[in-house]
Amino acid sequence: MDVLSLAGVRGQSGFVFARVDAYDTMWKTQGNVSDNPAWEKRALTAGVNYKPHPQLVLKGQYSHRVNGHDLSENTLSLGLGVVVF
């Protein structure tokens, strides 16, 4: 949902998002490959996409990820997208 249009802003748009992920890249290994808990991940990501112009988007997101050993990492990502066609 465009939160800027809810605030009455015209000509721009802003979208807030959140995502929860859980994955294990070593799940059901075969042969003598051991299942390493370090590859079991849980992540919570939230961010915003801001479109100041229909052909331009600025994106920011924060992610908190924990592996199977309860070691965590925090990531901040920023991006820019341009429509050229």
C-alpha atoms as a PDB file:
ATOM      1  CA  MET A   1       0.000   0.000   0.000  1.00  0.00           C
ATOM      2  CA  ASP A   2       1.301   3.438  -0.938  1.00  0.00           C
ATOM      3  CA  VAL A   3       1.761   5.210   2.413  1.00  0.00           C
ATOM      4  CA  LEU A   4       2.510   8.574   0.779  1.00  0.00           C
ATOM      5  CA  SER A   5      -0.835   8.603  -1.039  1.00  0.00           C
ATOM      6  CA  LEU A   6      -2.532   7.906   2.305  1.00  0.00           C
ATOM      7  CA  ALA A   7      -0.791  11.033   3.613  1.00  0.00           C
ATOM      8  CA  GLY A   8      -2.089  13.054   0.648  1.00  0.00           C
ATOM      9  CA  VAL A   9       1.241  13.278  -1.240  1.00  0.00           C
ATOM     10  CA  ARG A  10       0.765  13.292  -5.020  1.00  0.00           C
ATOM     11  CA  GLY A  11       3.332  12.476  -7.732  1.00  0.00           C
ATOM     12  CA  GLN A  12       5.451  10.340  -5.416  1.00  0.00           C
ATOM     13  CA  SER A  13       4.932   6.968  -3.769  1.00  0.00           C
ATOM     14  CA  GLY A  14       6.338   5.131  -0.781  1.00  0.00           C
ATOM     15  CA  PHE A  15       5.905   1.484   0.135  1.00  0.00           C
ATOM     16  CA  VAL A  16       6.818  -0.131   3.456  1.00  0.00           C
ATOM     17  CA  PHE A  17       7.537  -3.858   3.527  1.00  0.00           C
ATOM     18  CA  ALA A  18       8.528  -6.627   5.907  1.00  0.00           C
ATOM     19  CA  ARG A  19       9.573 -10.215   5.298  1.00  0.00           C
ATOM     20  CA  VAL A  20      10.368 -13.246   7.461  1.00  0.00           C
ATOM     21  CA  ASP A  21      12.609 -15.998   6.058  1.00  0.00           C
ATOM     22  CA  ALA A  22      13.726 -19.378   7.375  1.00  0.00           C
ATOM     23  CA  TYR A  23      15.953 -21.637   5.307  1.00  0.00           C
ATOM     24  CA  ASP A  24      18.632 -24.305   5.615  1.00  0.00           C
ATOM     25  CA  THR A  25      20.929 -24.812   2.630  1.00  0.00           C
ATOM     26  CA  MET A  26      22.270 -28.055   4.140  1.00  0.00           C
ATOM     27  CA  TRP A  27      18.852 -29.638   4.829  1.00  0.00           C
ATOM     28  CA  LYS A  28      18.651 -33.310   3.860  1.00  0.00           C
ATOM     29  CA  THR A  29      22.273 -33.673   2.828  1.00  0.00           C
ATOM     30  CA  GLN A  30      23.311 -36.865   1.055  1.00  0.00           C
ATOM     31  CA  GLY A  31      26.220 -39.220   1.436  1.00  0.00           C
ATOM     32  CA  ASN A  32      28.950 -38.256   3.890  1.00  0.00           C
ATOM     33  CA  VAL A  33      28.090 -34.526   3.815  1.00  0.00           C
ATOM     34  CA  SER A  34      27.188 -33.431   7.339  1.00  0.00           C
ATOM     35  CA  ASP A  35      24.372 -31.038   8.181  1.00  0.00           C
ATOM     36  CA  ASN A  36      26.121 -27.938   9.523  1.00  0.00           C
ATOM     37  CA  PRO A  37      23.820 -25.826  11.765  1.00  0.00           C
ATOM     38  CA  ALA A  38      25.667 -22.686  10.642  1.00  0.00           C
ATOM     39  CA  TRP A  39      23.746 -22.897   7.341  1.00  0.00           C
ATOM     40  CA  GLU A  40      20.343 -22.871   9.080  1.00  0.00           C
ATOM     41  CA  LYS A  41      19.152 -19.247   8.882  1.00  0.00           C
ATOM     42  CA  ARG A  42      16.255 -17.173  10.204  1.00  0.00           C
ATOM     43  CA  ALA A  43      15.893 -13.578   9.029  1.00  0.00           C
ATOM     44  CA  LEU A  44      13.615 -10.619   9.622  1.00  0.00           C
ATOM     45  CA  THR A  45      13.804  -7.867   7.009  1.00  0.00           C
ATOM     46  CA  ALA A  46      11.986  -4.528   6.864  1.00  0.00           C
ATOM     47  CA  GLY A  47      12.365  -1.554   4.598  1.00  0.00           C
ATOM     48  CA  VAL A  48      10.922   1.118   2.369  1.00  0.00           C
ATOM     49  CA  ASN A  49      10.753   1.796  -1.375  1.00  0.00           C
ATOM     50  CA  TYR A  50      10.456   5.481  -2.254  1.00  0.00           C
ATOM     51  CA  LYS A  51       9.555   6.602  -5.782  1.00  0.00           C
ATOM     52  CA  PRO A  52      10.101  10.353  -6.173  1.00  0.00           C
ATOM     53  CA  HIS A  53       9.440   9.909  -9.920  1.00  0.00           C
ATOM     54  CA  PRO A  54       7.675   7.086 -11.856  1.00  0.00           C
ATOM     55  CA  GLN A  55      11.026   6.041 -13.388  1.00  0.00           C
ATOM     56  CA  LEU A  56      13.160   6.244 -10.235  1.00  0.00           C
ATOM     57  CA  VAL A  57      13.084   4.206  -7.017  1.00  0.00           C
ATOM     58  CA  LEU A  58      15.228   4.490  -3.891  1.00  0.00           C
ATOM     59  CA  LYS A  59      15.237   1.474  -1.599  1.00  0.00           C
ATOM     60  CA  GLY A  60      16.451   0.940   1.938  1.00  0.00           C
ATOM     61  CA  GLN A  61      16.189  -2.199   4.010  1.00  0.00           C
ATOM     62  CA  TYR A  62      17.434  -3.544   7.322  1.00  0.00           C
ATOM     63  CA  SER A  63      17.835  -7.262   7.972  1.00  0.00           C
ATOM     64  CA  HIS A  64      18.519  -9.160  11.197  1.00  0.00           C
ATOM     65  CA  ARG A  65      19.662 -12.738  10.523  1.00  0.00           C
ATOM     66  CA  VAL A  66      20.459 -15.531  13.019  1.00  0.00           C
ATOM     67  CA  ASN A  67      22.080 -18.868  12.168  1.00  0.00           C
ATOM     68  CA  GLY A  68      21.722 -22.277  13.803  1.00  0.00           C
ATOM     69  CA  HIS A  69      24.497 -21.434  16.293  1.00  0.00           C
ATOM     70  CA  ASP A  70      22.521 -18.333  17.420  1.00  0.00           C
ATOM     71  CA  LEU A  71      25.127 -16.028  15.895  1.00  0.00           C
ATOM     72  CA  SER A  72      23.500 -12.942  14.438  1.00  0.00           C
ATOM     73  CA  GLU A  73      24.324 -10.405  11.766  1.00  0.00           C
ATOM     74  CA  ASN A  74      22.664  -7.117  10.960  1.00  0.00           C
ATOM     75  CA  THR A  75      22.659  -5.703   7.440  1.00  0.00           C
ATOM     76  CA  LEU A  76      21.643  -2.323   6.058  1.00  0.00           C
ATOM     77  CA  SER A  77      21.188  -2.180   2.283  1.00  0.00           C
ATOM     78  CA  LEU A  78      20.551   0.839   0.086  1.00  0.00           C
ATOM     79  CA  GLY A  79      19.664   0.749  -3.597  1.00  0.00           C
ATOM     80  CA  LEU A  80      18.718   2.838  -6.589  1.00  0.00           C
ATOM     81  CA  GLY A  81      16.616   1.727  -9.538  1.00  0.00           C
ATOM     82  CA  VAL A  82      16.060   3.519 -12.838  1.00  0.00           C
ATOM     83  CA  VAL A  83      13.627   2.632 -15.655  1.00  0.00           C
ATOM     84  CA  VAL A  84      15.384   3.263 -18.964  1.00  0.00           C
ATOM     85  CA  PHE A  85      12.762   2.065 -21.474  1.00  0.00           C
END
